């Protein structure tokens, strides 16, 4: 395989999901059992998601909504292990 083809194949494998793909993933993600730092967690096929606000803050102000994507490729094994543990039944 030539270096150019190898680089293109590698780039295709490591491409990050688009915002639209992450939104669709979040909409079908399953809620996890445990909280991380007081924040709700969901597990999608492309990423884990964590609420932008603590559960208590969101209960006090229902207008506080939002979640952040946690991509496996962008985080350490320790961080991903914490999310996997939170999502284990």
PDB file of N, CA and C in Angstrom:
ATOM      1  N   UNK A   1       0.863  -1.180   0.000  1.00  0.00           N
ATOM      2  CA  UNK A   1       0.000   0.000   0.000  1.00  0.00           C
ATOM      3  C   UNK A   1       0.901   1.232   0.000  1.00  0.00           C
ATOM      4  N   UNK A   2       0.625   2.156  -0.857  1.00  0.00           N
ATOM      5  CA  UNK A   2       1.453   3.358  -0.919  1.00  0.00           C
ATOM      6  C   UNK A   2       1.171   4.245   0.290  1.00  0.00           C
ATOM      7  N   UNK A   3       2.138   5.107   0.665  1.00  0.00           N
ATOM      8  CA  UNK A   3       1.942   5.986   1.817  1.00  0.00           C
ATOM      9  C   UNK A   3       0.708   6.873   1.701  1.00  0.00           C
ATOM     10  N   UNK A   4       0.380   7.320   0.496  1.00  0.00           N
ATOM     11  CA  UNK A   4      -0.784   8.189   0.311  1.00  0.00           C
ATOM     12  C   UNK A   4      -2.066   7.425   0.602  1.00  0.00           C
ATOM     13  N   UNK A   5      -2.178   6.219   0.072  1.00  0.00           N
ATOM     14  CA  UNK A   5      -3.377   5.416   0.332  1.00  0.00           C
ATOM     15  C   UNK A   5      -3.469   5.048   1.805  1.00  0.00           C
ATOM     16  N   UNK A   6      -2.345   4.728   2.422  1.00  0.00           N
ATOM     17  CA  UNK A   6      -2.353   4.388   3.843  1.00  0.00           C
ATOM     18  C   UNK A   6      -2.834   5.581   4.666  1.00  0.00           C
ATOM     19  N   UNK A   7      -2.339   6.776   4.363  1.00  0.00           N
ATOM     20  CA  UNK A   7      -2.752   7.976   5.096  1.00  0.00           C
ATOM     21  C   UNK A   7      -4.238   8.233   4.917  1.00  0.00           C
ATOM     22  N   UNK A   8      -4.746   8.064   3.708  1.00  0.00           N
ATOM     23  CA  UNK A   8      -6.176   8.276   3.466  1.00  0.00           C
ATOM     24  C   UNK A   8      -7.012   7.251   4.220  1.00  0.00           C
ATOM     25  N   UNK A   9      -6.570   5.997   4.220  1.00  0.00           N
ATOM     26  CA  UNK A   9      -7.303   4.955   4.947  1.00  0.00           C
ATOM     27  C   UNK A   9      -7.275   5.237   6.441  1.00  0.00           C
ATOM     28  N   UNK A  10      -6.132   5.668   6.971  1.00  0.00           N
ATOM     29  CA  UNK A  10      -6.014   5.980   8.387  1.00  0.00           C
ATOM     30  C   UNK A  10      -6.911   7.164   8.743  1.00  0.00           C
ATOM     31  N   UNK A  11      -6.946   8.195   7.922  1.00  0.00           N
ATOM     32  CA  UNK A  11      -7.786   9.366   8.180  1.00  0.00           C
ATOM     33  C   UNK A  11      -9.261   8.985   8.185  1.00  0.00           C
ATOM     34  N   UNK A  12      -9.664   8.096   7.315  1.00  0.00           N
ATOM     35  CA  UNK A  12     -11.059   7.667   7.267  1.00  0.00           C
ATOM     36  C   UNK A  12     -11.448   6.919   8.531  1.00  0.00           C
ATOM     37  N   UNK A  13     -10.535   6.130   9.058  1.00  0.00           N
ATOM     38  CA  UNK A  13     -10.813   5.356  10.269  1.00  0.00           C
ATOM     39  C   UNK A  13     -10.913   6.265  11.486  1.00  0.00           C
ATOM     40  N   UNK A  14     -10.091   7.302  11.550  1.00  0.00           N
ATOM     41  CA  UNK A  14     -10.051   8.148  12.739  1.00  0.00           C
ATOM     42  C   UNK A  14     -10.919   9.393  12.632  1.00  0.00           C
ATOM     43  N   UNK A  15     -11.733   9.525  11.592  1.00  0.00           N
ATOM     44  CA  UNK A  15     -12.580  10.703  11.421  1.00  0.00           C
ATOM     45  C   UNK A  15     -13.571  10.808  12.585  1.00  0.00           C
ATOM     46  N   UNK A  16     -13.712  12.023  13.084  1.00  0.00           N
ATOM     47  CA  UNK A  16     -14.633  12.270  14.189  1.00  0.00           C
ATOM     48  C   UNK A  16     -16.057  12.351  13.655  1.00  0.00           C
ATOM     49  N   UNK A  17     -17.034  11.943  14.458  1.00  0.00           N
ATOM     50  CA  UNK A  17     -18.434  12.064  14.029  1.00  0.00           C
ATOM     51  C   UNK A  17     -18.829  13.533  13.901  1.00  0.00           C
ATOM     52  N   UNK A  18     -19.766  13.787  13.011  1.00  0.00           N
ATOM     53  CA  UNK A  18     -20.278  15.145  12.839  1.00  0.00           C
ATOM     54  C   UNK A  18     -21.243  15.478  13.982  1.00  0.00           C
ATOM     55  N   UNK A  19     -21.581  16.743  14.093  1.00  0.00           N
ATOM     56  CA  UNK A  19     -22.553  17.175  15.101  1.00  0.00           C
ATOM     57  C   UNK A  19     -23.884  16.470  14.867  1.00  0.00           C
ATOM     58  N   UNK A  20     -24.275  16.347  13.624  1.00  0.00           N
ATOM     59  CA  UNK A  20     -25.545  15.683  13.305  1.00  0.00           C
ATOM     60  C   UNK A  20     -25.504  14.214  13.721  1.00  0.00           C
ATOM     61  N   UNK A  21     -24.386  13.547  13.483  1.00  0.00           N
ATOM     62  CA  UNK A  21     -24.253  12.141  13.886  1.00  0.00           C
ATOM     63  C   UNK A  21     -24.294  11.997  15.400  1.00  0.00           C
ATOM     64  N   UNK A  22     -23.641  12.919  16.107  1.00  0.00           N
ATOM     65  CA  UNK A  22     -23.664  12.862  17.571  1.00  0.00           C
ATOM     66  C   UNK A  22     -25.059  13.159  18.113  1.00  0.00           C
ATOM     67  N   UNK A  23     -25.775  14.090  17.500  1.00  0.00           N
ATOM     68  CA  UNK A  23     -27.145  14.386  17.935  1.00  0.00           C
ATOM     69  C   UNK A  23     -28.029  13.158  17.771  1.00  0.00           C
ATOM     70  N   UNK A  24     -27.930  12.499  16.630  1.00  0.00           N
ATOM     71  CA  UNK A  24     -28.719  11.284  16.391  1.00  0.00           C
ATOM     72  C   UNK A  24     -28.318  10.193  17.372  1.00  0.00           C
ATOM     73  N   UNK A  25     -27.039  10.082  17.658  1.00  0.00           N
ATOM     74  CA  UNK A  25     -26.556   9.085  18.617  1.00  0.00           C
ATOM     75  C   UNK A  25     -27.104   9.372  20.011  1.00  0.00           C
ATOM     76  N   UNK A  26     -27.104  10.648  20.408  1.00  0.00           N
ATOM     77  CA  UNK A  26     -27.625  11.025  21.718  1.00  0.00           C
ATOM     78  C   UNK A  26     -29.109  10.711  21.837  1.00  0.00           C
ATOM     79  N   UNK A  27     -29.849  10.949  20.771  1.00  0.00           N
ATOM     80  CA  UNK A  27     -31.294  10.713  20.794  1.00  0.00           C
ATOM     81  C   UNK A  27     -31.641   9.236  20.966  1.00  0.00           C
ATOM     82  N   UNK A  28     -30.738   8.346  20.620  1.00  0.00           N
ATOM     83  CA  UNK A  28     -30.980   6.906  20.776  1.00  0.00           C
ATOM     84  C   UNK A  28     -30.140   6.287  21.894  1.00  0.00           C
ATOM     85  N   UNK A  29     -29.363   7.117  22.603  1.00  0.00           N
ATOM     86  CA  UNK A  29     -28.494   6.605  23.673  1.00  0.00           C
ATOM     87  C   UNK A  29     -29.321   6.109  24.849  1.00  0.00           C
ATOM     88  N   UNK A  30     -28.767   5.125  25.535  1.00  0.00           N
ATOM     89  CA  UNK A  30     -29.462   4.595  26.712  1.00  0.00           C
ATOM     90  C   UNK A  30     -28.936   5.266  27.978  1.00  0.00           C
ATOM     91  N   UNK A  31     -29.833   5.583  28.912  1.00  0.00           N
ATOM     92  CA  UNK A  31     -29.389   6.181  30.171  1.00  0.00           C
ATOM     93  C   UNK A  31     -28.562   5.180  30.967  1.00  0.00           C
ATOM     94  N   UNK A  32     -27.557   5.667  31.652  1.00  0.00           N
ATOM     95  CA  UNK A  32     -26.726   4.801  32.487  1.00  0.00           C
ATOM     96  C   UNK A  32     -27.218   4.853  33.925  1.00  0.00           C
ATOM     97  N   UNK A  33     -26.862   3.827  34.656  1.00  0.00           N
ATOM     98  CA  UNK A  33     -27.335   3.662  36.026  1.00  0.00           C
ATOM     99  C   UNK A  33     -26.710   4.679  36.981  1.00  0.00           C
ATOM    100  N   UNK A  34     -25.416   4.862  36.884  1.00  0.00           N
ATOM    101  CA  UNK A  34     -24.692   5.689  37.850  1.00  0.00           C
ATOM    102  C   UNK A  34     -24.465   7.103  37.318  1.00  0.00           C
ATOM    103  N   UNK A  35     -24.207   8.031  38.248  1.00  0.00           N
ATOM    104  CA  UNK A  35     -23.837   9.395  37.911  1.00  0.00           C
ATOM    105  C   UNK A  35     -22.318   9.514  37.946  1.00  0.00           C
ATOM    106  N   UNK A  36     -21.786  10.489  37.214  1.00  0.00           N
ATOM    107  CA  UNK A  36     -20.371  10.841  37.306  1.00  0.00           C
ATOM    108  C   UNK A  36     -20.311  12.289  37.753  1.00  0.00           C
ATOM    109  N   UNK A  37     -19.689  12.532  38.897  1.00  0.00           N
ATOM    110  CA  UNK A  37     -19.594  13.885  39.460  1.00  0.00           C
ATOM    111  C   UNK A  37     -20.962  14.556  39.556  1.00  0.00           C
ATOM    112  N   UNK A  38     -21.992  13.780  39.914  1.00  0.00           N
ATOM    113  CA  UNK A  38     -23.342  14.316  40.075  1.00  0.00           C
ATOM    114  C   UNK A  38     -24.061  14.599  38.770  1.00  0.00           C
ATOM    115  N   UNK A  39     -23.477  14.142  37.667  1.00  0.00           N
ATOM    116  CA  UNK A  39     -24.065  14.410  36.345  1.00  0.00           C
ATOM    117  C   UNK A  39     -24.554  13.119  35.715  1.00  0.00           C
ATOM    118  N   UNK A  40     -25.697  13.203  35.032  1.00  0.00           N
ATOM    119  CA  UNK A  40     -26.261  12.036  34.366  1.00  0.00           C
ATOM    120  C   UNK A  40     -25.404  11.634  33.170  1.00  0.00           C
ATOM    121  N   UNK A  41     -25.430  10.330  32.856  1.00  0.00           N
ATOM    122  CA  UNK A  41     -24.608   9.775  31.784  1.00  0.00           C
ATOM    123  C   UNK A  41     -25.485   8.907  30.885  1.00  0.00           C
ATOM    124  N   UNK A  42     -25.194   8.940  29.580  1.00  0.00           N
ATOM    125  CA  UNK A  42     -25.858   8.087  28.597  1.00  0.00           C
ATOM    126  C   UNK A  42     -24.785   7.401  27.760  1.00  0.00           C
ATOM    127  N   UNK A  43     -25.121   6.234  27.238  1.00  0.00           N
ATOM    128  CA  UNK A  43     -24.195   5.522  26.361  1.00  0.00           C
ATOM    129  C   UNK A  43     -24.797   5.394  24.973  1.00  0.00           C
ATOM    130  N   UNK A  44     -24.119   5.946  23.991  1.00  0.00           N
ATOM    131  CA  UNK A  44     -24.517   5.826  22.604  1.00  0.00           C
ATOM    132  C   UNK A  44     -23.592   4.869  21.878  1.00  0.00           C
ATOM    133  N   UNK A  45     -23.818   4.695  20.612  1.00  0.00           N
ATOM    134  CA  UNK A  45     -22.961   3.836  19.803  1.00  0.00           C
ATOM    135  C   UNK A  45     -21.667   4.546  19.412  1.00  0.00           C
ATOM    136  N   UNK A  46     -21.698   5.860  19.240  1.00  0.00           N
ATOM    137  CA  UNK A  46     -20.531   6.623  18.823  1.00  0.00           C
ATOM    138  C   UNK A  46     -19.810   7.288  19.988  1.00  0.00           C
ATOM    139  N   UNK A  47     -20.522   7.548  21.083  1.00  0.00           N
ATOM    140  CA  UNK A  47     -19.943   8.293  22.202  1.00  0.00           C
ATOM    141  C   UNK A  47     -20.733   8.036  23.478  1.00  0.00           C
ATOM    142  N   UNK A  48     -20.121   8.392  24.582  1.00  0.00           N
ATOM    143  CA  UNK A  48     -20.844   8.536  25.837  1.00  0.00           C
ATOM    144  C   UNK A  48     -21.281   9.996  25.883  1.00  0.00           C
ATOM    145  N   UNK A  49     -22.298  10.283  26.675  1.00  0.00           N
ATOM    146  CA  UNK A  49     -22.763  11.652  26.838  1.00  0.00           C
ATOM    147  C   UNK A  49     -22.909  11.907  28.327  1.00  0.00           C
ATOM    148  N   UNK A  50     -22.587  13.131  28.741  1.00  0.00           N
ATOM    149  CA  UNK A  50     -22.707  13.508  30.147  1.00  0.00           C
ATOM    150  C   UNK A  50     -23.439  14.846  30.205  1.00  0.00           C
ATOM    151  N   UNK A  51     -24.378  14.956  31.140  1.00  0.00           N
ATOM    152  CA  UNK A  51     -25.148  16.199  31.235  1.00  0.00           C
ATOM    153  C   UNK A  51     -24.210  17.355  31.555  1.00  0.00           C
ATOM    154  N   UNK A  52     -24.537  18.511  31.016  1.00  0.00           N
ATOM    155  CA  UNK A  52     -23.708  19.691  31.221  1.00  0.00           C
ATOM    156  C   UNK A  52     -23.828  20.222  32.643  1.00  0.00           C
ATOM    157  N   UNK A  53     -24.882  19.845  33.326  1.00  0.00           N
ATOM    158  CA  UNK A  53     -25.145  20.342  34.672  1.00  0.00           C
ATOM    159  C   UNK A  53     -25.392  19.165  35.608  1.00  0.00           C
ATOM    160  N   UNK A  54     -25.174  19.377  36.891  1.00  0.00           N
ATOM    161  CA  UNK A  54     -25.458  18.321  37.852  1.00  0.00           C
ATOM    162  C   UNK A  54     -26.955  18.043  37.878  1.00  0.00           C
ATOM    163  N   UNK A  55     -27.284  16.863  38.330  1.00  0.00           N
ATOM    164  CA  UNK A  55     -28.694  16.485  38.407  1.00  0.00           C
ATOM    165  C   UNK A  55     -29.460  17.432  39.327  1.00  0.00           C
ATOM    166  N   UNK A  56     -28.834  17.817  40.442  1.00  0.00           N
ATOM    167  CA  UNK A  56     -29.486  18.717  41.394  1.00  0.00           C
ATOM    168  C   UNK A  56     -29.747  20.088  40.772  1.00  0.00           C
ATOM    169  N   UNK A  57     -28.779  20.614  40.028  1.00  0.00           N
ATOM    170  CA  UNK A  57     -28.959  21.927  39.387  1.00  0.00           C
ATOM    171  C   UNK A  57     -30.076  21.864  38.356  1.00  0.00           C
ATOM    172  N   UNK A  58     -30.137  20.801  37.593  1.00  0.00           N
ATOM    173  CA  UNK A  58     -31.184  20.655  36.578  1.00  0.00           C
ATOM    174  C   UNK A  58     -32.559  20.511  37.217  1.00  0.00           C
ATOM    175  N   UNK A  59     -32.630  19.869  38.389  1.00  0.00           N
ATOM    176  CA  UNK A  59     -33.911  19.754  39.081  1.00  0.00           C
ATOM    177  C   UNK A  59     -34.371  21.109  39.604  1.00  0.00           C
ATOM    178  N   UNK A  60     -33.439  21.946  40.050  1.00  0.00           N
ATOM    179  CA  UNK A  60     -33.781  23.279  40.548  1.00  0.00           C
ATOM    180  C   UNK A  60     -34.177  24.232  39.422  1.00  0.00           C
ATOM    181  N   UNK A  61     -33.558  24.060  38.266  1.00  0.00           N
ATOM    182  CA  UNK A  61     -33.854  24.931  37.120  1.00  0.00           C
ATOM    183  C   UNK A  61     -34.026  24.070  35.875  1.00  0.00           C
ATOM    184  N   UNK A  62     -35.267  23.676  35.555  1.00  0.00           N
ATOM    185  CA  UNK A  62     -35.516  22.805  34.405  1.00  0.00           C
ATOM    186  C   UNK A  62     -35.076  23.391  33.061  1.00  0.00           C
ATOM    187  N   UNK A  63     -34.807  24.705  33.011  1.00  0.00           N
ATOM    188  CA  UNK A  63     -34.327  25.311  31.769  1.00  0.00           C
ATOM    189  C   UNK A  63     -32.854  24.989  31.500  1.00  0.00           C
ATOM    190  N   UNK A  64     -32.168  24.446  32.503  1.00  0.00           N
ATOM    191  CA  UNK A  64     -30.779  24.038  32.311  1.00  0.00           C
ATOM    192  C   UNK A  64     -30.771  22.682  31.610  1.00  0.00           C
ATOM    193  N   UNK A  65     -30.469  22.683  30.360  1.00  0.00           N
ATOM    194  CA  UNK A  65     -30.398  21.434  29.611  1.00  0.00           C
ATOM    195  C   UNK A  65     -29.125  21.439  28.772  1.00  0.00           C
ATOM    196  N   UNK A  66     -28.665  20.285  28.467  1.00  0.00           N
ATOM    197  CA  UNK A  66     -27.491  20.149  27.622  1.00  0.00           C
ATOM    198  C   UNK A  66     -26.678  18.948  28.037  1.00  0.00           C
ATOM    199  N   UNK A  67     -25.971  18.418  27.078  1.00  0.00           N
ATOM    200  CA  UNK A  67     -25.096  17.278  27.338  1.00  0.00           C
ATOM    201  C   UNK A  67     -23.865  17.427  26.457  1.00  0.00           C
ATOM    202  N   UNK A  68     -22.777  16.876  26.929  1.00  0.00           N
ATOM    203  CA  UNK A  68     -21.513  16.916  26.206  1.00  0.00           C
ATOM    204  C   UNK A  68     -21.149  15.512  25.754  1.00  0.00           C
ATOM    205  N   UNK A  69     -20.642  15.412  24.533  1.00  0.00           N
ATOM    206  CA  UNK A  69     -20.192  14.121  24.006  1.00  0.00           C
ATOM    207  C   UNK A  69     -18.808  13.813  24.556  1.00  0.00           C
ATOM    208  N   UNK A  70     -18.608  12.561  24.922  1.00  0.00           N
ATOM    209  CA  UNK A  70     -17.307  12.071  25.382  1.00  0.00           C
ATOM    210  C   UNK A  70     -16.896  10.970  24.412  1.00  0.00           C
ATOM    211  N   UNK A  71     -16.000  11.310  23.512  1.00  0.00           N
ATOM    212  CA  UNK A  71     -15.572  10.367  22.483  1.00  0.00           C
ATOM    213  C   UNK A  71     -14.475   9.449  23.004  1.00  0.00           C
ATOM    214  N   UNK A  72     -14.604   8.191  22.697  1.00  0.00           N
ATOM    215  CA  UNK A  72     -13.626   7.207  23.162  1.00  0.00           C
ATOM    216  C   UNK A  72     -12.217   7.531  22.684  1.00  0.00           C
ATOM    217  N   UNK A  73     -12.077   7.943  21.428  1.00  0.00           N
ATOM    218  CA  UNK A  73     -10.754   8.217  20.859  1.00  0.00           C
ATOM    219  C   UNK A  73     -10.108   9.477  21.416  1.00  0.00           C
ATOM    220  N   UNK A  74     -10.885  10.357  22.031  1.00  0.00           N
ATOM    221  CA  UNK A  74     -10.356  11.627  22.536  1.00  0.00           C
ATOM    222  C   UNK A  74     -10.050  11.609  24.031  1.00  0.00           C
ATOM    223  N   UNK A  75     -10.239  10.478  24.680  1.00  0.00           N
ATOM    224  CA  UNK A  75     -10.076  10.423  26.130  1.00  0.00           C
ATOM    225  C   UNK A  75      -9.183   9.262  26.536  1.00  0.00           C
ATOM    226  N   UNK A  76      -8.639   9.374  27.744  1.00  0.00           N
ATOM    227  CA  UNK A  76      -7.746   8.332  28.249  1.00  0.00           C
ATOM    228  C   UNK A  76      -8.540   7.079  28.612  1.00  0.00           C
ATOM    229  N   UNK A  77      -7.839   5.976  28.749  1.00  0.00           N
ATOM    230  CA  UNK A  77      -8.486   4.720  29.147  1.00  0.00           C
ATOM    231  C   UNK A  77      -9.141   4.850  30.516  1.00  0.00           C
ATOM    232  N   UNK A  78      -8.544   5.646  31.416  1.00  0.00           N
ATOM    233  CA  UNK A  78      -9.128   5.847  32.747  1.00  0.00           C
ATOM    234  C   UNK A  78     -10.484   6.540  32.661  1.00  0.00           C
ATOM    235  N   UNK A  79     -10.575   7.566  31.840  1.00  0.00           N
ATOM    236  CA  UNK A  79     -11.834   8.307  31.685  1.00  0.00           C
ATOM    237  C   UNK A  79     -12.893   7.405  31.070  1.00  0.00           C
ATOM    238  N   UNK A  80     -12.546   6.718  30.004  1.00  0.00           N
ATOM    239  CA  UNK A  80     -13.516   5.841  29.346  1.00  0.00           C
ATOM    240  C   UNK A  80     -13.908   4.701  30.292  1.00  0.00           C
ATOM    241  N   UNK A  81     -12.975   4.217  31.088  1.00  0.00           N
ATOM    242  CA  UNK A  81     -13.293   3.171  32.073  1.00  0.00           C
ATOM    243  C   UNK A  81     -14.322   3.654  33.087  1.00  0.00           C
ATOM    244  N   UNK A  82     -14.229   4.919  33.481  1.00  0.00           N
ATOM    245  CA  UNK A  82     -15.204   5.493  34.419  1.00  0.00           C
ATOM    246  C   UNK A  82     -16.595   5.535  33.781  1.00  0.00           C
ATOM    247  N   UNK A  83     -16.675   5.898  32.512  1.00  0.00           N
ATOM    248  CA  UNK A  83     -17.959   5.925  31.814  1.00  0.00           C
ATOM    249  C   UNK A  83     -18.504   4.513  31.611  1.00  0.00           C
ATOM    250  N   UNK A  84     -17.650   3.586  31.256  1.00  0.00           N
ATOM    251  CA  UNK A  84     -18.090   2.205  31.097  1.00  0.00           C
ATOM    252  C   UNK A  84     -18.622   1.631  32.411  1.00  0.00           C
ATOM    253  N   UNK A  85     -17.945   1.954  33.508  1.00  0.00           N
ATOM    254  CA  UNK A  85     -18.401   1.483  34.830  1.00  0.00           C
ATOM    255  C   UNK A  85     -19.760   2.096  35.179  1.00  0.00           C
ATOM    256  N   UNK A  86     -19.960   3.373  34.857  1.00  0.00           N
ATOM    257  CA  UNK A  86     -21.243   4.030  35.148  1.00  0.00           C
ATOM    258  C   UNK A  86     -22.377   3.415  34.346  1.00  0.00           C
ATOM    259  N   UNK A  87     -22.038   2.845  33.189  1.00  0.00           N
ATOM    260  CA  UNK A  87     -23.068   2.306  32.306  1.00  0.00           C
ATOM    261  C   UNK A  87     -23.243   0.797  32.428  1.00  0.00           C
ATOM    262  N   UNK A  88     -22.484   0.185  33.309  1.00  0.00           N
ATOM    263  CA  UNK A  88     -22.627  -1.254  33.518  1.00  0.00           C
ATOM    264  C   UNK A  88     -23.805  -1.510  34.444  1.00  0.00           C
ATOM    265  N   UNK A  89     -24.696  -2.375  34.016  1.00  0.00           N
ATOM    266  CA  UNK A  89     -25.894  -2.673  34.822  1.00  0.00           C
ATOM    267  C   UNK A  89     -25.564  -3.395  36.087  1.00  0.00           C
TER     268      UNK A  89
END
